[in-house]
N, C-alpha and C. Protein backbone atom coordinates (compact mmCIF):
# COMPACT_ATOMS: atom_id res chain seq x y z
N MET A 1 0.74 -1.24 -0.02
CA MET A 1 0.18 -0.03 0.01
C MET A 1 0.93 1.30 -0.05
N LYS A 2 0.42 2.26 -0.56
CA LYS A 2 1.31 3.48 -0.69
C LYS A 2 0.90 4.33 0.39
N TRP A 3 1.85 5.06 0.82
CA TRP A 3 1.65 6.10 1.91
C TRP A 3 0.37 7.22 1.79
N TYR A 4 0.37 7.57 0.54
CA TYR A 4 -0.66 8.50 0.37
C TYR A 4 -2.03 7.95 0.49
N ALA A 5 -2.21 6.57 0.30
CA ALA A 5 -3.40 6.00 0.44
C ALA A 5 -3.71 5.83 2.03
N VAL A 6 -2.87 5.57 2.64
CA VAL A 6 -2.90 5.31 4.11
C VAL A 6 -3.36 6.98 4.72
N ARG A 7 -2.71 7.87 4.12
CA ARG A 7 -2.91 9.31 4.58
C ARG A 7 -4.44 9.60 4.43
N LYS A 8 -4.84 9.12 3.27
CA LYS A 8 -6.12 9.57 2.71
C LYS A 8 -7.27 8.79 3.60
N MET A 9 -6.99 7.72 3.96
CA MET A 9 -8.15 6.86 4.75
C MET A 9 -8.10 7.09 6.28
N TYR A 10 -6.86 7.50 6.70
CA TYR A 10 -6.70 7.78 8.20
C TYR A 10 -6.08 9.24 8.33
N PRO A 11 -6.70 10.40 8.02
CA PRO A 11 -6.28 11.56 8.16
C PRO A 11 -5.88 12.02 9.63
N ASN A 12 -4.68 12.74 9.96
CA ASN A 12 -4.58 13.23 11.35
C ASN A 12 -4.48 12.15 12.42
N GLN A 13 -4.09 11.10 12.05
CA GLN A 13 -3.85 9.81 13.22
C GLN A 13 -2.51 9.41 13.11
N PHE A 14 -2.24 8.63 14.23
CA PHE A 14 -0.94 7.78 14.34
C PHE A 14 -1.48 6.41 13.70
N VAL A 15 -0.69 5.78 13.05
CA VAL A 15 -0.89 4.47 12.34
C VAL A 15 0.47 3.54 12.79
N LYS A 16 0.24 2.24 12.88
CA LYS A 16 1.30 1.19 12.91
C LYS A 16 1.38 0.63 11.54
N LEU A 17 2.66 0.78 11.27
CA LEU A 17 3.07 0.16 9.82
C LEU A 17 4.12 -0.79 9.85
N LYS A 18 4.17 -1.54 8.85
CA LYS A 18 5.39 -2.40 8.46
C LYS A 18 5.72 -2.13 7.16
N ALA A 19 7.09 -1.71 7.18
CA ALA A 19 8.04 -1.47 5.82
C ALA A 19 7.99 -2.48 4.94
N LEU A 20 7.49 -2.43 3.68
CA LEU A 20 7.65 -3.45 2.62
C LEU A 20 8.68 -3.15 1.67
N SER A 21 8.93 -1.76 1.27
CA SER A 21 10.09 -1.42 0.63
C SER A 21 10.47 -0.15 0.80
N SER A 22 11.80 0.20 0.65
CA SER A 22 12.31 1.52 1.01
C SER A 22 13.70 1.71 0.23
N LYS A 23 14.18 3.00 0.24
CA LYS A 23 15.51 3.35 -0.24
C LYS A 23 16.22 4.14 0.76
N VAL A 24 17.50 3.91 0.91
CA VAL A 24 18.35 4.56 1.73
C VAL A 24 19.43 5.37 1.05
N ALA A 25 19.58 6.67 1.42
CA ALA A 25 20.40 7.58 1.05
C ALA A 25 20.57 8.53 1.95
N ASN A 26 21.81 9.05 2.27
CA ASN A 26 22.27 10.08 3.14
C ASN A 26 21.95 9.85 4.43
N GLY A 27 22.13 8.79 5.01
CA GLY A 27 21.63 8.47 6.44
C GLY A 27 20.04 8.43 6.62
N GLN A 28 19.37 8.17 5.62
CA GLN A 28 17.76 8.45 5.88
C GLN A 28 17.29 7.16 4.98
N GLU A 29 16.12 6.58 5.54
CA GLU A 29 15.55 5.46 4.72
C GLU A 29 14.33 6.14 4.46
N MET A 30 13.92 6.16 3.26
CA MET A 30 12.59 6.81 2.71
C MET A 30 11.70 5.46 2.25
N ILE A 31 10.62 5.25 3.12
CA ILE A 31 9.86 4.24 2.90
C ILE A 31 8.89 4.36 1.68
N GLU A 32 8.70 3.40 1.05
CA GLU A 32 7.78 3.64 -0.34
C GLU A 32 6.54 2.74 -0.18
N ASP A 33 6.48 1.56 0.13
CA ASP A 33 5.37 0.77 0.37
C ASP A 33 5.01 0.42 1.88
N VAL A 34 3.90 0.28 2.19
CA VAL A 34 3.89 -0.06 3.71
C VAL A 34 2.47 -1.23 3.69
N ALA A 35 2.69 -2.00 4.90
CA ALA A 35 1.52 -2.75 5.24
C ALA A 35 0.88 -2.08 6.48
N LEU A 36 -0.38 -1.61 6.47
CA LEU A 36 -1.16 -1.05 7.64
C LEU A 36 -1.35 -2.21 8.70
N ILE A 37 -0.87 -1.94 9.81
CA ILE A 37 -1.13 -2.90 10.88
C ILE A 37 -2.25 -2.50 11.59
N GLY A 38 -2.36 -1.15 11.96
CA GLY A 38 -3.76 -0.56 12.55
C GLY A 38 -3.42 1.03 12.94
N VAL A 39 -4.47 1.39 13.34
CA VAL A 39 -4.63 2.80 13.93
C VAL A 39 -4.09 2.76 15.43
N VAL A 40 -3.59 3.74 15.76
CA VAL A 40 -2.89 3.88 17.19
C VAL A 40 -3.62 5.37 17.73
N GLU A 41 -4.24 5.01 18.96
CA GLU A 41 -4.77 6.30 19.70
C GLU A 41 -3.63 7.02 19.87
N ASP A 42 -3.56 8.48 20.12
CA ASP A 42 -2.62 9.31 20.45
C ASP A 42 -1.98 8.98 21.70
N ARG A 43 -2.72 8.72 22.71
CA ARG A 43 -2.26 8.33 23.95
C ARG A 43 -1.24 6.97 24.06
N ASN A 44 -1.43 6.25 23.05
CA ASN A 44 -0.77 5.04 22.92
C ASN A 44 0.34 4.92 21.94
N ALA A 45 0.58 6.05 21.35
CA ALA A 45 1.67 6.12 20.20
C ALA A 45 2.86 5.66 20.69
N THR A 46 3.51 6.26 21.71
CA THR A 46 4.71 6.02 22.24
C THR A 46 4.95 4.62 22.62
N ASN A 47 3.87 3.92 23.33
CA ASN A 47 3.99 2.62 23.77
C ASN A 47 4.06 1.61 22.58
N GLU A 48 3.34 1.83 21.70
CA GLU A 48 3.34 1.03 20.43
C GLU A 48 4.57 1.20 19.81
N LEU A 49 5.06 2.43 19.51
CA LEU A 49 6.35 2.34 18.99
C LEU A 49 7.42 1.62 19.81
N LEU A 50 7.50 1.79 21.00
CA LEU A 50 8.46 1.12 21.94
C LEU A 50 8.49 -0.34 21.73
N LYS A 51 7.16 -0.86 21.45
CA LYS A 51 6.92 -2.33 21.25
C LYS A 51 7.11 -2.85 19.93
N SER A 52 7.51 -1.86 18.80
CA SER A 52 7.72 -2.21 17.55
C SER A 52 9.07 -2.77 17.56
N LYS A 53 9.07 -3.94 16.46
CA LYS A 53 10.30 -4.76 16.27
C LYS A 53 10.54 -4.86 14.82
N GLY A 54 11.74 -4.72 14.29
CA GLY A 54 12.25 -4.79 12.89
C GLY A 54 11.69 -3.88 12.22
N ASP A 55 10.97 -4.15 11.22
CA ASP A 55 10.43 -3.20 10.36
C ASP A 55 9.04 -2.66 10.40
N GLU A 56 8.58 -2.70 11.78
CA GLU A 56 7.43 -2.08 12.26
C GLU A 56 7.79 -0.78 12.85
N PHE A 57 7.07 0.23 12.73
CA PHE A 57 7.11 1.56 13.17
C PHE A 57 5.79 2.32 13.22
N VAL A 58 5.55 3.23 14.06
CA VAL A 58 4.46 4.14 14.26
C VAL A 58 4.92 5.58 13.70
N TYR A 59 3.80 6.07 13.06
CA TYR A 59 4.02 7.32 12.18
C TYR A 59 2.58 8.04 12.01
N HIS A 60 2.90 9.34 11.92
CA HIS A 60 1.65 10.21 12.01
C HIS A 60 1.46 10.55 10.58
N THR A 61 0.05 10.55 10.22
CA THR A 61 -0.31 10.72 8.82
C THR A 61 -0.27 12.20 8.36
N THR A 62 -0.13 13.07 9.11
CA THR A 62 0.20 14.31 8.77
C THR A 62 1.48 14.59 7.97
N HIS A 63 2.42 13.70 8.01
CA HIS A 63 3.70 13.74 7.25
C HIS A 63 3.45 13.34 5.75
N GLU A 64 3.95 14.26 4.95
CA GLU A 64 3.68 13.89 3.61
C GLU A 64 4.45 12.71 3.02
N ASN A 65 5.57 12.44 3.57
CA ASN A 65 6.55 11.26 3.13
C ASN A 65 7.02 10.67 4.40
N ILE A 66 7.21 9.39 4.27
CA ILE A 66 7.98 8.58 5.51
C ILE A 66 9.38 8.65 5.23
N VAL A 67 10.18 9.48 6.03
CA VAL A 67 11.58 9.44 6.11
C VAL A 67 12.08 9.26 7.56
N LEU A 68 12.78 8.24 7.69
CA LEU A 68 13.17 7.84 8.94
C LEU A 68 14.80 8.21 9.04
N GLU A 69 15.31 8.65 10.19
CA GLU A 69 16.66 8.79 10.30
C GLU A 69 17.23 7.35 10.71
N ILE A 70 18.56 6.88 10.07
CA ILE A 70 19.11 5.86 10.37
C ILE A 70 20.04 5.93 11.51
N ARG A 71 20.10 5.27 12.63
CA ARG A 71 20.96 5.75 13.80
C ARG A 71 21.85 4.39 13.92
N LYS A 72 22.93 4.37 14.23
CA LYS A 72 23.64 3.12 14.49
C LYS A 72 23.65 2.89 15.91
N ASP A 73 23.44 1.68 16.52
CA ASP A 73 23.55 1.44 17.84
C ASP A 73 24.72 1.69 18.42
N VAL A 74 24.72 2.53 19.55
CA VAL A 74 26.06 2.84 20.37
C VAL A 74 26.30 1.94 21.19
N GLY A 75 25.28 1.37 21.81
CA GLY A 75 25.57 0.56 23.01
C GLY A 75 26.05 1.09 24.21
N LEU A 76 26.13 0.52 25.35
CA LEU A 76 26.42 0.90 26.49
C LEU A 76 28.09 0.42 26.77
N ARG A 77 28.94 1.42 27.31
CA ARG A 77 30.15 1.23 27.77
C ARG A 77 30.31 1.47 29.06
N ARG A 78 31.19 0.56 29.72
CA ARG A 78 31.38 0.56 31.24
C ARG A 78 32.88 1.00 31.41
N PHE A 79 33.05 1.98 31.89
CA PHE A 79 34.49 2.39 32.39
C PHE A 79 34.65 2.17 33.82
N SER A 80 35.90 1.78 34.17
CA SER A 80 36.34 1.57 35.61
C SER A 80 36.69 2.94 36.10
N GLU A 81 36.34 3.26 37.27
CA GLU A 81 36.73 4.62 37.94
C GLU A 81 38.15 4.51 38.26
N CYS A 82 38.71 3.39 38.38
CA CYS A 82 40.09 3.34 39.05
C CYS A 82 41.16 2.92 37.60
N GLY A 83 40.79 3.13 36.48
CA GLY A 83 41.37 2.84 35.32
C GLY A 83 41.67 1.51 34.99
N ASN A 84 41.09 0.35 35.63
CA ASN A 84 41.44 -1.02 35.13
C ASN A 84 40.67 -1.31 33.94
């Protein structure tokens, strides 16, 4: 499904999506095709995003295009205070 179709069906709402195809350039992923998982209430959007795995994500339909910043996992480092 194309993003413009999702935006037309669910204006001004959060939706949970699965990315089906995308392009990567300049540290950004531009999502082209999506599968709609469902509509998400505003108050639940953050929780749904945190529960998302892999190619699933939550996005708001006010955005004309789906562009995601690609971030590298930094991880946690532990440093000893005594220099060991």
